[in-house]
Protein backbone atom coordinates (compact mmCIF):
# COMPACT_ATOMS: atom_id res chain seq x y z
CA MET A 1 -0.05 -89.88 -25.31
CA ARG A 2 -1.00 -92.28 -22.44
CA SER A 3 -1.18 -91.09 -18.89
CA PRO A 4 1.02 -92.33 -15.87
CA ALA A 5 -0.56 -94.84 -13.98
CA ILE A 6 -1.13 -92.44 -10.99
CA LEU A 7 -3.40 -90.67 -12.62
CA LEU A 8 -5.40 -92.98 -13.84
CA PRO A 9 -8.30 -93.03 -10.79
CA LEU A 10 -8.41 -89.35 -11.98
CA ARG A 11 -10.41 -90.49 -15.11
CA HIS A 12 -13.40 -90.90 -12.36
CA ARG A 13 -15.34 -87.79 -11.86
CA ASP A 14 -16.50 -88.92 -7.81
CA PHE A 15 -12.69 -89.77 -7.68
CA ARG A 16 -11.79 -86.41 -8.93
CA LEU A 17 -14.21 -84.66 -6.41
CA LEU A 18 -13.20 -86.51 -3.56
CA TRP A 19 -9.18 -86.19 -4.36
CA THR A 20 -10.18 -81.90 -4.74
CA GLY A 21 -12.68 -81.43 -2.23
CA GLN A 22 -9.99 -83.40 0.69
CA THR A 23 -7.03 -81.51 -0.84
CA VAL A 24 -8.89 -78.69 0.41
CA SER A 25 -10.16 -79.51 3.16
CA ARG A 26 -6.44 -80.60 4.24
CA PHE A 27 -5.37 -77.60 3.34
CA GLY A 28 -7.47 -75.38 5.20
CA ASN A 29 -6.89 -77.54 8.17
CA PHE A 30 -3.18 -77.33 7.99
CA LEU A 31 -3.43 -73.69 7.52
CA TYR A 32 -5.66 -73.24 11.21
CA SER A 33 -3.74 -74.90 12.94
CA VAL A 34 -0.42 -73.01 11.80
CA ALA A 35 -2.57 -69.78 12.70
CA GLN A 36 -4.53 -70.77 15.41
CA PRO A 37 -1.00 -70.47 17.67
CA PHE A 38 0.16 -67.32 16.38
CA GLN A 39 -3.53 -65.71 17.18
CA ILE A 40 -3.14 -66.70 20.65
CA LEU A 41 0.13 -65.55 20.86
CA ALA A 42 -1.37 -61.97 18.92
CA ILE A 43 -3.85 -61.38 21.18
CA GLY A 44 -1.57 -61.39 24.36
CA GLY A 45 -1.58 -64.60 25.02
CA THR A 46 1.33 -66.57 27.30
CA PRO A 47 2.80 -69.43 26.73
CA LEU A 48 1.37 -70.96 28.92
CA GLN A 49 -2.15 -70.24 27.79
CA LEU A 50 -0.99 -71.21 23.90
CA GLY A 51 0.02 -74.92 25.88
CA ILE A 52 -3.37 -74.83 27.29
CA GLY A 53 -4.78 -74.57 23.89
CA ALA A 54 -2.58 -77.19 22.57
CA ALA A 55 -4.02 -79.75 24.99
CA ILE A 56 -7.11 -78.77 24.36
CA ASN A 57 -7.43 -79.01 20.67
CA THR A 58 -5.80 -82.71 21.55
CA GLY A 59 -7.97 -83.46 23.53
CA THR A 60 -11.48 -82.79 21.64
CA MET A 61 -9.87 -84.53 18.77
CA LEU A 62 -9.41 -87.30 20.55
CA VAL A 63 -13.15 -87.65 22.11
CA PHE A 64 -14.20 -86.64 18.57
CA LEU A 65 -12.20 -89.00 16.98
CA LEU A 66 -13.19 -91.95 19.33
CA ILE A 67 -16.48 -90.93 18.75
CA GLY A 68 -16.76 -90.89 14.47
CA GLY A 69 -15.21 -93.62 14.60
CA VAL A 70 -18.30 -95.82 16.50
CA ILE A 71 -20.33 -92.70 13.69
CA VAL A 72 -18.67 -93.75 11.09
CA ASP A 73 -19.29 -97.76 11.24
CA ARG A 74 -23.11 -96.91 11.10
CA VAL A 75 -23.29 -93.76 8.32
CA PRO A 76 -22.30 -94.15 4.63
CA ARG A 77 -19.33 -92.60 3.85
CA ARG A 78 -20.11 -89.80 1.44
CA ARG A 79 -22.02 -88.42 4.17
CA ILE A 80 -19.90 -89.02 6.66
CA ILE A 81 -17.29 -86.25 4.48
CA LEU A 82 -19.90 -84.11 3.46
CA ALA A 83 -20.83 -83.86 6.86
CA SER A 84 -17.64 -83.60 8.95
CA ASP A 85 -16.21 -81.07 6.04
CA LEU A 86 -19.43 -79.05 6.30
CA ALA A 87 -19.39 -78.73 10.04
CA GLY A 88 -15.36 -77.88 10.12
CA GLY A 89 -16.10 -74.95 7.72
CA CYS A 90 -18.85 -73.45 9.64
CA ILE A 91 -16.52 -73.81 12.97
CA VAL A 92 -13.73 -72.12 11.47
CA ALA A 93 -16.14 -69.81 9.81
CA SER A 94 -17.79 -68.43 12.77
CA SER A 95 -14.51 -68.08 14.95
CA PRO A 96 -13.89 -64.60 16.36
CA ARG A 97 -12.03 -61.92 14.24
CA TRP A 98 -9.41 -60.78 16.17
CA ASP A 99 -7.76 -57.10 14.67
């Protein structure tokens, strides 16, 4: 039985690793972006503070996307993907936990 054409790239080990890693990374980023506003509200943040947090998040993303665009033109893609996912994981893991 032949597999559908959309699954053909999954025959390549490197693509499977990339796809799996990016799926896990994006899922984690999604969960973090959903949990962060709830965490701000849970520790007693006001709607204004929630908005400031969202504005800071957007501003830093804009700055780092511009810097990242310059860097990614000069460094191999694989190294960039690994470094950015590792850095993002470290940042999320080092975030303070408020019980």
